[in-house]
Every structure is written in C-alpha cells, then in structure tokens.
PDB file of N, CA and C in Angstrom:
ATOM      1  N   MET A   1     -15.499 -57.274  16.450  1.00  0.00           N
ATOM      2  CA  MET A   1     -14.183 -57.351  16.662  1.00  0.00           C
ATOM      3  C   MET A   1     -13.817 -58.796  16.289  1.00  0.00           C
ATOM      4  N   LYS A   2     -12.419 -58.846  15.571  1.00  0.00           N
ATOM      5  CA  LYS A   2     -12.188 -60.287  15.082  1.00  0.00           C
ATOM      6  C   LYS A   2     -10.658 -60.410  15.441  1.00  0.00           C
ATOM      7  N   ASP A   3     -10.237 -61.503  15.805  1.00  0.00           N
ATOM      8  CA  ASP A   3      -8.790 -61.740  16.044  1.00  0.00           C
ATOM      9  C   ASP A   3      -8.094 -62.086  14.678  1.00  0.00           C
ATOM     10  N   MET A   4      -7.286 -61.365  14.555  1.00  0.00           N
ATOM     11  CA  MET A   4      -6.530 -61.352  13.282  1.00  0.00           C
ATOM     12  C   MET A   4      -5.063 -62.145  13.529  1.00  0.00           C
ATOM     13  N   GLY A   5      -4.737 -62.541  14.640  1.00  0.00           N
ATOM     14  CA  GLY A   5      -3.593 -63.212  14.796  1.00  0.00           C
ATOM     15  C   GLY A   5      -2.686 -62.297  15.555  1.00  0.00           C
ATOM     16  N   GLU A   6      -1.134 -62.630  15.607  1.00  0.00           N
ATOM     17  CA  GLU A   6      -0.336 -61.811  16.105  1.00  0.00           C
ATOM     18  C   GLU A   6       0.069 -60.573  15.482  1.00  0.00           C
ATOM     19  N   ILE A   7       0.248 -59.555  16.038  1.00  0.00           N
ATOM     20  CA  ILE A   7       0.396 -58.262  15.350  1.00  0.00           C
ATOM     21  C   ILE A   7       2.027 -58.258  14.787  1.00  0.00           C
ATOM     22  N   LYS A   8       2.251 -57.806  13.435  1.00  0.00           N
ATOM     23  CA  LYS A   8       3.476 -57.954  13.015  1.00  0.00           C
ATOM     24  C   LYS A   8       3.788 -56.160  12.502  1.00  0.00           C
ATOM     25  N   ASN A   9       2.775 -55.563  12.024  1.00  0.00           N
ATOM     26  CA  ASN A   9       3.278 -54.123  11.695  1.00  0.00           C
ATOM     27  C   ASN A   9       2.204 -53.437  12.087  1.00  0.00           C
ATOM     28  N   CYS A  10       2.436 -52.182  12.680  1.00  0.00           N
ATOM     29  CA  CYS A  10       1.391 -51.064  12.838  1.00  0.00           C
ATOM     30  C   CYS A  10       2.117 -49.956  12.955  1.00  0.00           C
ATOM     31  N   LEU A  11       1.457 -48.703  12.136  1.00  0.00           N
ATOM     32  CA  LEU A  11       1.767 -47.501  11.938  1.00  0.00           C
ATOM     33  C   LEU A  11       3.291 -47.433  11.518  1.00  0.00           C
ATOM     34  N   GLY A  12       3.891 -48.135  10.749  1.00  0.00           N
ATOM     35  CA  GLY A  12       5.286 -48.166  10.378  1.00  0.00           C
ATOM     36  C   GLY A  12       6.043 -48.837  11.434  1.00  0.00           C
ATOM     37  N   PHE A  13       5.717 -49.402  12.224  1.00  0.00           N
ATOM     38  CA  PHE A  13       6.756 -50.191  13.181  1.00  0.00           C
ATOM     39  C   PHE A  13       6.639 -51.608  12.973  1.00  0.00           C
ATOM     40  N   ARG A  14       7.645 -52.474  13.031  1.00  0.00           N
ATOM     41  CA  ARG A  14       7.724 -53.674  12.821  1.00  0.00           C
ATOM     42  C   ARG A  14       7.617 -54.322  14.223  1.00  0.00           C
ATOM     43  N   ILE A  15       6.917 -55.309  14.459  1.00  0.00           N
ATOM     44  CA  ILE A  15       6.746 -55.842  15.835  1.00  0.00           C
ATOM     45  C   ILE A  15       7.021 -57.317  15.968  1.00  0.00           C
ATOM     46  N   THR A  16       8.110 -57.760  16.828  1.00  0.00           N
ATOM     47  CA  THR A  16       8.393 -59.213  16.653  1.00  0.00           C
ATOM     48  C   THR A  16       8.486 -59.545  18.220  1.00  0.00           C
ATOM     49  N   GLY A  17       8.501 -60.746  18.440  1.00  0.00           N
ATOM     50  CA  GLY A  17       8.566 -61.104  19.769  1.00  0.00           C
ATOM     51  C   GLY A  17       8.747 -62.662  20.160  1.00  0.00           C
ATOM     52  N   ASP A  18       9.242 -62.949  21.324  1.00  0.00           N
ATOM     53  CA  ASP A  18       9.450 -64.530  21.806  1.00  0.00           C
ATOM     54  C   ASP A  18       8.426 -64.586  22.956  1.00  0.00           C
ATOM     55  N   ARG A  19       7.275 -65.207  22.811  1.00  0.00           N
ATOM     56  CA  ARG A  19       6.519 -65.683  23.759  1.00  0.00           C
ATOM     57  C   ARG A  19       7.214 -66.301  25.046  1.00  0.00           C
ATOM     58  N   GLU A  20       7.930 -67.424  24.563  1.00  0.00           N
ATOM     59  CA  GLU A  20       8.400 -68.312  25.665  1.00  0.00           C
ATOM     60  C   GLU A  20       9.253 -67.329  26.729  1.00  0.00           C
ATOM     61  N   TYR A  21      10.082 -66.335  26.331  1.00  0.00           N
ATOM     62  CA  TYR A  21      10.804 -65.674  27.039  1.00  0.00           C
ATOM     63  C   TYR A  21      10.269 -64.127  27.550  1.00  0.00           C
ATOM     64  N   GLY A  22       8.922 -64.068  26.887  1.00  0.00           N
ATOM     65  CA  GLY A  22       8.318 -62.750  27.384  1.00  0.00           C
ATOM     66  C   GLY A  22       9.079 -61.411  26.745  1.00  0.00           C
ATOM     67  N   LYS A  23       9.670 -61.520  25.639  1.00  0.00           N
ATOM     68  CA  LYS A  23      10.326 -60.504  24.888  1.00  0.00           C
ATOM     69  C   LYS A  23       9.650 -59.913  23.664  1.00  0.00           C
ATOM     70  N   ILE A  24       9.828 -58.707  23.531  1.00  0.00           N
ATOM     71  CA  ILE A  24       9.260 -57.842  22.304  1.00  0.00           C
ATOM     72  C   ILE A  24      10.197 -56.975  21.801  1.00  0.00           C
ATOM     73  N   TRP A  25      10.259 -56.860  20.537  1.00  0.00           N
ATOM     74  CA  TRP A  25      11.223 -56.099  19.826  1.00  0.00           C
ATOM     75  C   TRP A  25      10.403 -55.087  18.690  1.00  0.00           C
ATOM     76  N   ILE A  26      10.756 -53.844  18.894  1.00  0.00           N
ATOM     77  CA  ILE A  26      10.065 -53.062  17.909  1.00  0.00           C
ATOM     78  C   ILE A  26      11.038 -52.179  17.202  1.00  0.00           C
ATOM     79  N   ASP A  27      10.824 -52.141  15.897  1.00  0.00           N
ATOM     80  CA  ASP A  27      11.829 -51.336  14.837  1.00  0.00           C
ATOM     81  C   ASP A  27      11.030 -50.671  14.073  1.00  0.00           C
ATOM     82  N   GLN A  28      11.651 -49.861  13.082  1.00  0.00           N
ATOM     83  CA  GLN A  28      11.003 -49.206  12.110  1.00  0.00           C
ATOM     84  C   GLN A  28      12.105 -49.379  10.745  1.00  0.00           C
ATOM     85  N   GLU A  29      12.476 -50.511  10.676  1.00  0.00           N
ATOM     86  CA  GLU A  29      13.463 -50.557   9.526  1.00  0.00           C
ATOM     87  C   GLU A  29      12.824 -50.486   8.215  1.00  0.00           C
ATOM     88  N   ASP A  30      11.841 -51.163   8.035  1.00  0.00           N
ATOM     89  CA  ASP A  30      11.122 -51.099   6.716  1.00  0.00           C
ATOM     90  C   ASP A  30      10.875 -49.806   6.282  1.00  0.00           C
ATOM     91  N   TYR A  31      10.022 -49.002   7.440  1.00  0.00           N
ATOM     92  CA  TYR A  31       9.455 -47.646   6.956  1.00  0.00           C
ATOM     93  C   TYR A  31      10.762 -46.835   6.792  1.00  0.00           C
ATOM     94  N   LEU A  32      11.890 -47.005   7.502  1.00  0.00           N
ATOM     95  CA  LEU A  32      13.105 -45.986   7.057  1.00  0.00           C
ATOM     96  C   LEU A  32      13.653 -46.191   5.821  1.00  0.00           C
ATOM     97  N   ARG A  33      13.484 -47.650   5.335  1.00  0.00           N
ATOM     98  CA  ARG A  33      14.016 -47.921   3.921  1.00  0.00           C
ATOM     99  C   ARG A  33      13.140 -47.043   2.868  1.00  0.00           C
ATOM    100  N   GLN A  34      11.996 -47.198   3.085  1.00  0.00           N
ATOM    101  CA  GLN A  34      10.849 -46.396   2.150  1.00  0.00           C
ATOM    102  C   GLN A  34      11.365 -45.014   2.182  1.00  0.00           C
ATOM    103  N   VAL A  35      11.520 -44.460   3.397  1.00  0.00           N
ATOM    104  CA  VAL A  35      11.801 -42.699   3.404  1.00  0.00           C
ATOM    105  C   VAL A  35      13.075 -42.666   2.629  1.00  0.00           C
ATOM    106  N   LEU A  36      14.106 -43.504   2.725  1.00  0.00           N
ATOM    107  CA  LEU A  36      15.423 -43.225   2.176  1.00  0.00           C
ATOM    108  C   LEU A  36      15.388 -43.298   0.751  1.00  0.00           C
ATOM    109  N   ASP A  37      14.439 -44.467   0.273  1.00  0.00           N
ATOM    110  CA  ASP A  37      14.185 -44.606  -1.123  1.00  0.00           C
ATOM    111  C   ASP A  37      13.436 -43.507  -1.775  1.00  0.00           C
ATOM    112  N   ARG A  38      12.404 -43.017  -1.079  1.00  0.00           N
ATOM    113  CA  ARG A  38      11.763 -41.758  -1.563  1.00  0.00           C
ATOM    114  C   ARG A  38      12.497 -40.620  -2.008  1.00  0.00           C
ATOM    115  N   PHE A  39      13.619 -40.339  -0.905  1.00  0.00           N
ATOM    116  CA  PHE A  39      14.282 -39.386  -1.036  1.00  0.00           C
ATOM    117  C   PHE A  39      15.758 -39.489  -1.728  1.00  0.00           C
ATOM    118  N   HIS A  40      15.857 -40.576  -2.189  1.00  0.00           N
ATOM    119  CA  HIS A  40      17.132 -41.232  -3.097  1.00  0.00           C
ATOM    120  C   HIS A  40      18.067 -41.004  -2.212  1.00  0.00           C
ATOM    121  N   MET A  41      18.151 -41.575  -1.023  1.00  0.00           N
ATOM    122  CA  MET A  41      19.239 -41.760  -0.042  1.00  0.00           C
ATOM    123  C   MET A  41      19.559 -43.090   0.378  1.00  0.00           C
ATOM    124  N   SER A  42      19.100 -44.025  -0.353  1.00  0.00           N
ATOM    125  CA  SER A  42      19.292 -45.439   0.074  1.00  0.00           C
ATOM    126  C   SER A  42      20.766 -45.979  -0.019  1.00  0.00           C
ATOM    127  N   SER A  43      21.759 -45.162  -0.601  1.00  0.00           N
ATOM    128  CA  SER A  43      23.168 -45.438  -0.700  1.00  0.00           C
ATOM    129  C   SER A  43      23.840 -44.780   0.196  1.00  0.00           C
ATOM    130  N   CYS A  44      23.271 -43.990   1.133  1.00  0.00           N
ATOM    131  CA  CYS A  44      24.070 -43.019   1.925  1.00  0.00           C
ATOM    132  C   CYS A  44      24.534 -44.002   2.938  1.00  0.00           C
ATOM    133  N   ASN A  45      25.573 -43.453   3.662  1.00  0.00           N
ATOM    134  CA  ASN A  45      26.506 -44.144   4.736  1.00  0.00           C
ATOM    135  C   ASN A  45      25.701 -43.959   6.068  1.00  0.00           C
ATOM    136  N   PRO A  46      25.402 -45.001   6.732  1.00  0.00           N
ATOM    137  CA  PRO A  46      24.812 -45.037   8.118  1.00  0.00           C
ATOM    138  C   PRO A  46      25.940 -44.645   9.099  1.00  0.00           C
ATOM    139  N   ILE A  47      25.445 -43.889  10.203  1.00  0.00           N
ATOM    140  CA  ILE A  47      26.356 -43.607  11.081  1.00  0.00           C
ATOM    141  C   ILE A  47      25.753 -44.333  12.683  1.00  0.00           C
ATOM    142  N   SER A  48      26.791 -44.414  13.660  1.00  0.00           N
ATOM    143  CA  SER A  48      26.234 -45.200  14.929  1.00  0.00           C
ATOM    144  C   SER A  48      25.114 -44.366  15.484  1.00  0.00           C
ATOM    145  N   THR A  49      24.358 -44.993  16.300  1.00  0.00           N
ATOM    146  CA  THR A  49      23.434 -44.175  16.977  1.00  0.00           C
ATOM    147  C   THR A  49      24.014 -43.437  18.281  1.00  0.00           C
ATOM    148  N   PRO A  50      23.549 -42.433  18.790  1.00  0.00           N
ATOM    149  CA  PRO A  50      24.090 -41.639  19.989  1.00  0.00           C
ATOM    150  C   PRO A  50      23.356 -42.458  21.043  1.00  0.00           C
ATOM    151  N   VAL A  51      22.543 -43.331  21.089  1.00  0.00           N
ATOM    152  CA  VAL A  51      21.777 -43.936  22.258  1.00  0.00           C
ATOM    153  C   VAL A  51      22.201 -45.212  22.560  1.00  0.00           C
ATOM    154  N   ASP A  52      22.255 -45.667  23.863  1.00  0.00           N
ATOM    155  CA  ASP A  52      22.435 -46.932  24.185  1.00  0.00           C
ATOM    156  C   ASP A  52      21.771 -48.008  23.726  1.00  0.00           C
ATOM    157  N   THR A  53      21.930 -48.940  22.847  1.00  0.00           N
ATOM    158  CA  THR A  53      20.977 -49.915  22.211  1.00  0.00           C
ATOM    159  C   THR A  53      20.719 -50.787  23.216  1.00  0.00           C
ATOM    160  N   ASN A  54      21.467 -51.188  24.285  1.00  0.00           N
ATOM    161  CA  ASN A  54      21.324 -52.155  25.306  1.00  0.00           C
ATOM    162  C   ASN A  54      20.392 -51.861  26.604  1.00  0.00           C
ATOM    163  N   VAL A  55      19.584 -50.769  26.312  1.00  0.00           N
ATOM    164  CA  VAL A  55      18.802 -50.343  27.605  1.00  0.00           C
ATOM    165  C   VAL A  55      17.665 -51.240  27.653  1.00  0.00           C
ATOM    166  N   LYS A  56      17.324 -51.789  28.781  1.00  0.00           N
ATOM    167  CA  LYS A  56      16.251 -52.578  29.012  1.00  0.00           C
ATOM    168  C   LYS A  56      15.023 -52.027  29.599  1.00  0.00           C
ATOM    169  N   LEU A  57      13.936 -51.826  28.883  1.00  0.00           N
ATOM    170  CA  LEU A  57      12.987 -51.206  29.163  1.00  0.00           C
ATOM    171  C   LEU A  57      12.034 -52.134  30.419  1.00  0.00           C
ATOM    172  N   GLU A  58      11.287 -51.452  31.241  1.00  0.00           N
ATOM    173  CA  GLU A  58      10.773 -52.383  32.309  1.00  0.00           C
ATOM    174  C   GLU A  58       9.423 -51.880  32.368  1.00  0.00           C
ATOM    175  N   LYS A  59       8.437 -52.640  32.543  1.00  0.00           N
ATOM    176  CA  LYS A  59       7.069 -52.334  32.694  1.00  0.00           C
ATOM    177  C   LYS A  59       6.560 -51.713  34.057  1.00  0.00           C
ATOM    178  N   LYS A  60       6.020 -50.588  33.738  1.00  0.00           N
ATOM    179  CA  LYS A  60       5.749 -50.169  35.111  1.00  0.00           C
ATOM    180  C   LYS A  60       4.418 -50.839  36.006  1.00  0.00           C
ATOM    181  N   SER A  61       4.372 -50.595  36.973  1.00  0.00           N
ATOM    182  CA  SER A  61       3.337 -51.490  37.860  1.00  0.00           C
ATOM    183  C   SER A  61       1.857 -50.577  37.675  1.00  0.00           C
ATOM    184  N   SER A  62       1.826 -49.402  37.462  1.00  0.00           N
ATOM    185  CA  SER A  62       0.825 -48.614  37.265  1.00  0.00           C
ATOM    186  C   SER A  62       0.919 -47.453  36.107  1.00  0.00           C
ATOM    187  N   CYS A  63      -0.043 -47.237  35.389  1.00  0.00           N
ATOM    188  CA  CYS A  63       0.021 -46.075  34.394  1.00  0.00           C
ATOM    189  C   CYS A  63      -0.979 -44.922  34.715  1.00  0.00           C
ATOM    190  N   ASN A  64      -0.447 -43.915  34.694  1.00  0.00           N
ATOM    191  CA  ASN A  64      -1.234 -42.705  34.875  1.00  0.00           C
ATOM    192  C   ASN A  64      -1.176 -41.821  33.746  1.00  0.00           C
ATOM    193  N   PRO A  65      -2.345 -41.636  33.111  1.00  0.00           N
ATOM    194  CA  PRO A  65      -2.240 -40.595  31.838  1.00  0.00           C
ATOM    195  C   PRO A  65      -1.971 -39.204  32.164  1.00  0.00           C
ATOM    196  N   ILE A  66      -1.114 -38.605  31.389  1.00  0.00           N
ATOM    197  CA  ILE A  66      -0.898 -37.256  31.697  1.00  0.00           C
ATOM    198  C   ILE A  66      -1.213 -36.389  30.662  1.00  0.00           C
ATOM    199  N   SER A  67      -1.698 -35.152  31.018  1.00  0.00           N
ATOM    200  CA  SER A  67      -2.444 -34.200  30.156  1.00  0.00           C
ATOM    201  C   SER A  67      -1.044 -33.542  29.400  1.00  0.00           C
ATOM    202  N   THR A  68      -1.406 -33.487  27.958  1.00  0.00           N
ATOM    203  CA  THR A  68      -0.508 -33.124  27.017  1.00  0.00           C
ATOM    204  C   THR A  68      -0.776 -31.917  26.484  1.00  0.00           C
ATOM    205  N   PRO A  69       0.103 -31.035  25.963  1.00  0.00           N
ATOM    206  CA  PRO A  69      -0.422 -29.852  25.242  1.00  0.00           C
ATOM    207  C   PRO A  69      -1.303 -30.087  23.982  1.00  0.00           C
ATOM    208  N   VAL A  70      -1.187 -31.272  23.268  1.00  0.00           N
ATOM    209  CA  VAL A  70      -2.130 -31.624  22.221  1.00  0.00           C
ATOM    210  C   VAL A  70      -3.491 -31.822  23.009  1.00  0.00           C
ATOM    211  N   ASP A  71      -3.586 -32.614  23.873  1.00  0.00           N
ATOM    212  CA  ASP A  71      -5.095 -32.707  24.687  1.00  0.00           C
ATOM    213  C   ASP A  71      -5.471 -31.331  24.889  1.00  0.00           C
ATOM    214  N   THR A  72      -4.792 -30.643  25.416  1.00  0.00           N
ATOM    215  CA  THR A  72      -5.268 -29.319  25.897  1.00  0.00           C
ATOM    216  C   THR A  72      -5.851 -28.363  24.599  1.00  0.00           C
ATOM    217  N   ASN A  73      -4.842 -28.448  23.510  1.00  0.00           N
ATOM    218  CA  ASN A  73      -5.208 -27.937  22.427  1.00  0.00           C
ATOM    219  C   ASN A  73      -6.425 -28.316  21.882  1.00  0.00           C
ATOM    220  N   VAL A  74      -6.642 -29.614  21.758  1.00  0.00           N
ATOM    221  CA  VAL A  74      -7.971 -30.289  21.096  1.00  0.00           C
ATOM    222  C   VAL A  74      -9.162 -29.602  22.058  1.00  0.00           C
ATOM    223  N   LYS A  75      -9.132 -29.696  23.104  1.00  0.00           N
ATOM    224  CA  LYS A  75     -10.139 -29.147  23.981  1.00  0.00           C
ATOM    225  C   LYS A  75     -10.504 -27.757  24.040  1.00  0.00           C
ATOM    226  N   LEU A  76      -9.356 -26.902  23.771  1.00  0.00           N
ATOM    227  CA  LEU A  76      -9.846 -25.432  23.328  1.00  0.00           C
ATOM    228  C   LEU A  76     -10.322 -25.420  22.037  1.00  0.00           C
ATOM    229  N   GLU A  77     -10.005 -26.176  20.943  1.00  0.00           N
ATOM    230  CA  GLU A  77     -10.602 -25.866  19.856  1.00  0.00           C
ATOM    231  C   GLU A  77     -11.853 -26.217  19.778  1.00  0.00           C
ATOM    232  N   LYS A  78     -12.324 -27.379  20.521  1.00  0.00           N
ATOM    233  CA  LYS A  78     -13.761 -27.873  20.668  1.00  0.00           C
ATOM    234  C   LYS A  78     -14.331 -26.835  21.261  1.00  0.00           C
ATOM    235  N   ASN A  79     -13.922 -26.092  22.494  1.00  0.00           N
ATOM    236  CA  ASN A  79     -14.583 -25.139  23.105  1.00  0.00           C
ATOM    237  C   ASN A  79     -14.820 -23.950  22.114  1.00  0.00           C
ATOM    238  N   LYS A  80     -13.939 -23.560  21.460  1.00  0.00           N
ATOM    239  CA  LYS A  80     -14.163 -22.487  20.657  1.00  0.00           C
ATOM    240  C   LYS A  80     -15.109 -22.671  19.437  1.00  0.00           C
ATOM    241  N   SER A  81     -15.216 -23.919  18.915  1.00  0.00           N
ATOM    242  CA  SER A  81     -16.390 -24.213  17.870  1.00  0.00           C
ATOM    243  C   SER A  81     -17.706 -24.223  18.589  1.00  0.00           C
ATOM    244  N   GLU A  82     -17.821 -24.625  19.848  1.00  0.00           N
ATOM    245  CA  GLU A  82     -19.184 -24.869  20.447  1.00  0.00           C
ATOM    246  C   GLU A  82     -19.568 -23.354  20.861  1.00  0.00           C
ATOM    247  N   ASN A  83     -18.677 -22.410  21.249  1.00  0.00           N
ATOM    248  CA  ASN A  83     -18.944 -21.190  21.665  1.00  0.00           C
ATOM    249  C   ASN A  83     -19.640 -20.489  20.452  1.00  0.00           C
ATOM    250  N   LYS A  84     -18.791 -20.655  19.302  1.00  0.00           N
ATOM    251  CA  LYS A  84     -19.313 -20.179  17.922  1.00  0.00           C
ATOM    252  C   LYS A  84     -20.615 -20.435  17.615  1.00  0.00           C
ATOM    253  N   ARG A  85     -21.050 -21.765  17.753  1.00  0.00           N
ATOM    254  CA  ARG A  85     -22.270 -22.316  17.434  1.00  0.00           C
ATOM    255  C   ARG A  85     -23.396 -21.709  18.391  1.00  0.00           C
ATOM    256  N   ARG A  86     -22.959 -21.413  19.660  1.00  0.00           N
ATOM    257  CA  ARG A  86     -24.021 -20.727  20.553  1.00  0.00           C
ATOM    258  C   ARG A  86     -24.354 -19.488  20.192  1.00  0.00           C
ATOM    259  N   ARG A  87     -23.281 -18.721  19.676  1.00  0.00           N
ATOM    260  CA  ARG A  87     -23.263 -17.178  19.240  1.00  0.00           C
ATOM    261  C   ARG A  87     -24.354 -16.987  18.214  1.00  0.00           C
ATOM    262  N   ARG A  88     -24.505 -18.090  17.258  1.00  0.00           N
ATOM    263  CA  ARG A  88     -25.269 -17.906  16.109  1.00  0.00           C
ATOM    264  C   ARG A  88     -26.732 -17.751  16.374  1.00  0.00           C
TER     265      ARG A  88
END
C-alpha cells in the first residue's frame, strides 16, 4: 500500500475539504457534466433541488453494519453454486 496524498476523486465523486475546520464537501458535478454531454443535454435548463442543501451531517458515535438485500442475494447465489458443485 502506498500513500498517494489527499483524495480528490473517487467513483465519480469530487472530494474537497478544509482540514483546519474539519469540513468535507462531496459532489458529482464533473460526472454529471459528462452524463449530460453524452446524452446531448448540456444546454438544458437546470431546476432547483427539492432537498434542503444546508443540511449538516453529523458523525455517528458508532457504526453498526446492516444486512441489505444485496448481501442476502450474494449469499444465496453463493450457496446455490456450492450446492450445484456438491451434486456433481
């Protein structure tokens, strides 16, 4: 593993921050521009977001992983393939 410095982009997200104030901003502006260009919609008119953009997210004191349907489906498929191999 090697330190490549501060993260700037990851999976289509642009990540910026202010270490002094402990703030982080995440957006997808560049990704959305690429999508609009691909579908020839870069000159479309934007509309306001229905979500409050001033919401402050807070760090939870603990993180408990939850089981999602995706996790369950992956486990089911794995079990199916293992059972097929056993039957052969």
